[in-house]
């Protein structure tokens, strides 16, 4: 970590490129070489289309989790004990599903979702899916 005082930063000609604060100096962190190389490699990987495709699934899941945490107060349970907490989570999930279905226009069905990776594996292995699983035709 390199720390620069206000008196060192104020006269600098390129200060605006470094920091926007007017009251303090600048602190610059230098991570260990291994961590820096890992960050560079991960940031390069994030520019590839395959990474965006994998992340699209994750972003949908994260959106749902965010909705539960912030929109329905699921960070704190109203009850004590695992059974009551599990019941609260289940009932909240049911309520969210009903709310999502109620926003759908009448008579309009949702487009079929693509099969999951597990369902795709079963299809490639010619293993029949259970009828309860969603299917794509």
C-alpha atoms as a PDB file:
ATOM      1  CA  UNK A   1       0.000   0.000   0.000  1.00  0.00           C
ATOM      2  CA  UNK A   2       1.356   3.403  -0.948  1.00  0.00           C
ATOM      3  CA  UNK A   3      -0.103   6.411   0.819  1.00  0.00           C
ATOM      4  CA  UNK A   4       0.230   9.972  -0.449  1.00  0.00           C
ATOM      5  CA  UNK A   5      -0.594  12.922   1.763  1.00  0.00           C
ATOM      6  CA  UNK A   6      -2.770  15.851   0.740  1.00  0.00           C
ATOM      7  CA  UNK A   7       0.288  18.077   0.392  1.00  0.00           C
ATOM      8  CA  UNK A   8       1.865  15.552  -2.003  1.00  0.00           C
ATOM      9  CA  UNK A   9      -1.298  15.161  -4.131  1.00  0.00           C
ATOM     10  CA  UNK A  10      -2.498  18.791  -4.358  1.00  0.00           C
ATOM     11  CA  UNK A  11       0.258  20.165  -6.649  1.00  0.00           C
ATOM     12  CA  UNK A  12       0.182  17.113  -8.978  1.00  0.00           C
ATOM     13  CA  UNK A  13      -0.771  17.966 -12.594  1.00  0.00           C
ATOM     14  CA  UNK A  14      -2.536  14.621 -13.232  1.00  0.00           C
ATOM     15  CA  UNK A  15      -4.406  14.507  -9.912  1.00  0.00           C
ATOM     16  CA  UNK A  16      -7.818  14.438 -11.654  1.00  0.00           C
ATOM     17  CA  UNK A  17      -6.903  11.115 -13.315  1.00  0.00           C
ATOM     18  CA  UNK A  18      -5.957   9.640  -9.963  1.00  0.00           C
ATOM     19  CA  UNK A  19      -8.597  10.781  -7.473  1.00  0.00           C
ATOM     20  CA  UNK A  20     -11.663  12.982  -7.192  1.00  0.00           C
ATOM     21  CA  UNK A  21     -11.349  13.771  -3.511  1.00  0.00           C
ATOM     22  CA  UNK A  22     -10.437  17.323  -2.557  1.00  0.00           C
ATOM     23  CA  UNK A  23      -9.808  16.780   1.133  1.00  0.00           C
ATOM     24  CA  UNK A  24      -7.346  13.903   1.220  1.00  0.00           C
ATOM     25  CA  UNK A  25      -4.437  12.264  -0.523  1.00  0.00           C
ATOM     26  CA  UNK A  26      -4.418   9.064  -2.524  1.00  0.00           C
ATOM     27  CA  UNK A  27      -3.924   5.481  -1.328  1.00  0.00           C
ATOM     28  CA  UNK A  28      -2.722   2.987  -3.930  1.00  0.00           C
ATOM     29  CA  UNK A  29      -2.779  -0.750  -3.314  1.00  0.00           C
ATOM     30  CA  UNK A  30      -0.415  -3.189  -4.975  1.00  0.00           C
ATOM     31  CA  UNK A  31      -1.706  -6.764  -4.732  1.00  0.00           C
ATOM     32  CA  UNK A  32       0.699  -9.720  -4.616  1.00  0.00           C
ATOM     33  CA  UNK A  33       1.908 -10.867  -8.047  1.00  0.00           C
ATOM     34  CA  UNK A  34      -0.155 -14.089  -7.952  1.00  0.00           C
ATOM     35  CA  UNK A  35      -3.365 -12.200  -7.205  1.00  0.00           C
ATOM     36  CA  UNK A  36      -2.636  -9.599  -9.896  1.00  0.00           C
ATOM     37  CA  UNK A  37      -2.019 -12.331 -12.505  1.00  0.00           C
ATOM     38  CA  UNK A  38      -5.233 -14.099 -11.465  1.00  0.00           C
ATOM     39  CA  UNK A  39      -7.212 -10.836 -11.815  1.00  0.00           C
ATOM     40  CA  UNK A  40      -5.759 -10.169 -15.262  1.00  0.00           C
ATOM     41  CA  UNK A  41      -6.537 -13.724 -16.405  1.00  0.00           C
ATOM     42  CA  UNK A  42     -10.112 -13.566 -15.053  1.00  0.00           C
ATOM     43  CA  UNK A  43     -10.799 -10.177 -16.647  1.00  0.00           C
ATOM     44  CA  UNK A  44      -9.539 -11.469 -20.013  1.00  0.00           C
ATOM     45  CA  UNK A  45     -11.776 -14.556 -19.677  1.00  0.00           C
ATOM     46  CA  UNK A  46     -14.789 -12.327 -18.979  1.00  0.00           C
ATOM     47  CA  UNK A  47     -14.482 -10.854 -22.480  1.00  0.00           C
ATOM     48  CA  UNK A  48     -15.094 -14.241 -24.155  1.00  0.00           C
ATOM     49  CA  UNK A  49     -18.579 -15.191 -25.476  1.00  0.00           C
ATOM     50  CA  UNK A  50     -18.499 -18.549 -23.647  1.00  0.00           C
ATOM     51  CA  UNK A  51     -18.140 -16.750 -20.312  1.00  0.00           C
ATOM     52  CA  UNK A  52     -21.096 -14.455 -21.140  1.00  0.00           C
ATOM     53  CA  UNK A  53     -23.222 -17.496 -21.966  1.00  0.00           C
ATOM     54  CA  UNK A  54     -22.379 -19.177 -18.635  1.00  0.00           C
ATOM     55  CA  UNK A  55     -22.917 -15.931 -16.742  1.00  0.00           C
ATOM     56  CA  UNK A  56     -26.362 -15.387 -18.296  1.00  0.00           C
ATOM     57  CA  UNK A  57     -27.673 -18.344 -16.286  1.00  0.00           C
ATOM     58  CA  UNK A  58     -26.057 -17.066 -13.113  1.00  0.00           C
ATOM     59  CA  UNK A  59     -27.375 -13.535 -13.559  1.00  0.00           C
ATOM     60  CA  UNK A  60     -30.960 -14.831 -13.727  1.00  0.00           C
ATOM     61  CA  UNK A  61     -30.463 -16.742 -10.502  1.00  0.00           C
ATOM     62  CA  UNK A  62     -28.805 -13.763  -8.822  1.00  0.00           C
ATOM     63  CA  UNK A  63     -31.737 -11.557  -9.837  1.00  0.00           C
ATOM     64  CA  UNK A  64     -34.160 -13.928  -8.135  1.00  0.00           C
ATOM     65  CA  UNK A  65     -32.011 -14.124  -5.002  1.00  0.00           C
ATOM     66  CA  UNK A  66     -31.753 -10.314  -4.942  1.00  0.00           C
ATOM     67  CA  UNK A  67     -35.536 -10.048  -5.244  1.00  0.00           C
ATOM     68  CA  UNK A  68     -35.972 -12.378  -2.260  1.00  0.00           C
ATOM     69  CA  UNK A  69     -33.321 -10.660  -0.144  1.00  0.00           C
ATOM     70  CA  UNK A  70     -34.298  -7.054  -0.790  1.00  0.00           C
ATOM     71  CA  UNK A  71     -37.913  -7.206  -1.913  1.00  0.00           C
ATOM     72  CA  UNK A  72     -39.210  -9.771   0.558  1.00  0.00           C
ATOM     73  CA  UNK A  73     -36.877  -9.388   3.536  1.00  0.00           C
ATOM     74  CA  UNK A  74     -35.410 -12.875   3.380  1.00  0.00           C
ATOM     75  CA  UNK A  75     -32.144 -11.875   5.034  1.00  0.00           C
ATOM     76  CA  UNK A  76     -33.906 -12.041   8.393  1.00  0.00           C
ATOM     77  CA  UNK A  77     -36.382 -14.746   9.340  1.00  0.00           C
ATOM     78  CA  UNK A  78     -39.458 -14.037  11.387  1.00  0.00           C
ATOM     79  CA  UNK A  79     -39.213 -17.327  13.234  1.00  0.00           C
ATOM     80  CA  UNK A  80     -36.657 -19.399  15.106  1.00  0.00           C
ATOM     81  CA  UNK A  81     -35.783 -22.911  14.135  1.00  0.00           C
ATOM     82  CA  UNK A  82     -34.988 -24.605  10.874  1.00  0.00           C
ATOM     83  CA  UNK A  83     -38.469 -26.009  10.267  1.00  0.00           C
ATOM     84  CA  UNK A  84     -40.204 -22.639  10.673  1.00  0.00           C
ATOM     85  CA  UNK A  85     -37.540 -20.895   8.585  1.00  0.00           C
ATOM     86  CA  UNK A  86     -37.930 -23.466   5.826  1.00  0.00           C
ATOM     87  CA  UNK A  87     -41.702 -22.974   5.916  1.00  0.00           C
ATOM     88  CA  UNK A  88     -41.281 -19.191   5.636  1.00  0.00           C
ATOM     89  CA  UNK A  89     -38.959 -19.583   2.633  1.00  0.00           C
ATOM     90  CA  UNK A  90     -41.346 -22.001   0.937  1.00  0.00           C
ATOM     91  CA  UNK A  91     -44.388 -19.792   1.435  1.00  0.00           C
ATOM     92  CA  UNK A  92     -42.466 -16.737   0.230  1.00  0.00           C
ATOM     93  CA  UNK A  93     -41.389 -18.618  -2.910  1.00  0.00           C
ATOM     94  CA  UNK A  94     -45.008 -19.596  -3.577  1.00  0.00           C
ATOM     95  CA  UNK A  95     -46.102 -15.978  -3.136  1.00  0.00           C
ATOM     96  CA  UNK A  96     -43.406 -14.743  -5.534  1.00  0.00           C
ATOM     97  CA  UNK A  97     -44.451 -17.319  -8.148  1.00  0.00           C
ATOM     98  CA  UNK A  98     -48.107 -16.288  -7.827  1.00  0.00           C
ATOM     99  CA  UNK A  99     -47.105 -12.635  -8.135  1.00  0.00           C
ATOM    100  CA  UNK A 100     -45.073 -13.362 -11.281  1.00  0.00           C
ATOM    101  CA  UNK A 101     -47.924 -15.368 -12.803  1.00  0.00           C
ATOM    102  CA  UNK A 102     -50.427 -12.611 -12.043  1.00  0.00           C
ATOM    103  CA  UNK A 103     -48.328 -10.151 -14.090  1.00  0.00           C
ATOM    104  CA  UNK A 104     -48.636 -12.387 -17.139  1.00  0.00           C
ATOM    105  CA  UNK A 105     -51.363 -11.354 -19.603  1.00  0.00           C
ATOM    106  CA  UNK A 106     -54.404 -13.701 -19.624  1.00  0.00           C
ATOM    107  CA  UNK A 107     -54.358 -16.437 -22.243  1.00  0.00           C
ATOM    108  CA  UNK A 108     -50.680 -15.966 -22.982  1.00  0.00           C
ATOM    109  CA  UNK A 109     -48.285 -18.740 -22.065  1.00  0.00           C
ATOM    110  CA  UNK A 110     -44.600 -18.347 -21.356  1.00  0.00           C
ATOM    111  CA  UNK A 111     -42.176 -19.473 -24.047  1.00  0.00           C
ATOM    112  CA  UNK A 112     -40.680 -22.906 -23.366  1.00  0.00           C
ATOM    113  CA  UNK A 113     -37.425 -22.772 -21.468  1.00  0.00           C
ATOM    114  CA  UNK A 114     -34.373 -24.567 -22.818  1.00  0.00           C
ATOM    115  CA  UNK A 115     -33.442 -27.804 -21.070  1.00  0.00           C
ATOM    116  CA  UNK A 116     -31.047 -27.674 -18.143  1.00  0.00           C
ATOM    117  CA  UNK A 117     -27.559 -29.149 -18.463  1.00  0.00           C
ATOM    118  CA  UNK A 118     -28.739 -32.252 -16.606  1.00  0.00           C
ATOM    119  CA  UNK A 119     -31.746 -32.679 -18.886  1.00  0.00           C
ATOM    120  CA  UNK A 120     -29.499 -32.240 -21.921  1.00  0.00           C
ATOM    121  CA  UNK A 121     -27.229 -34.961 -20.565  1.00  0.00           C
ATOM    122  CA  UNK A 122     -30.199 -37.298 -20.122  1.00  0.00           C
ATOM    123  CA  UNK A 123     -31.299 -36.587 -23.689  1.00  0.00           C
ATOM    124  CA  UNK A 124     -27.822 -37.342 -25.065  1.00  0.00           C
ATOM    125  CA  UNK A 125     -27.741 -40.606 -23.099  1.00  0.00           C
ATOM    126  CA  UNK A 126     -31.269 -41.463 -24.337  1.00  0.00           C
ATOM    127  CA  UNK A 127     -32.621 -41.653 -20.788  1.00  0.00           C
ATOM    128  CA  UNK A 128     -36.315 -40.810 -20.458  1.00  0.00           C
ATOM    129  CA  UNK A 129     -37.237 -37.814 -18.362  1.00  0.00           C
ATOM    130  CA  UNK A 130     -39.941 -37.995 -15.739  1.00  0.00           C
ATOM    131  CA  UNK A 131     -43.237 -36.433 -16.836  1.00  0.00           C
ATOM    132  CA  UNK A 132     -43.023 -33.945 -13.988  1.00  0.00           C
ATOM    133  CA  UNK A 133     -39.896 -32.372 -15.531  1.00  0.00           C
ATOM    134  CA  UNK A 134     -40.397 -29.512 -17.914  1.00  0.00           C
ATOM    135  CA  UNK A 135     -39.822 -30.568 -21.477  1.00  0.00           C
ATOM    136  CA  UNK A 136     -38.862 -28.720 -24.616  1.00  0.00           C
ATOM    137  CA  UNK A 137     -40.137 -29.883 -27.966  1.00  0.00           C
END
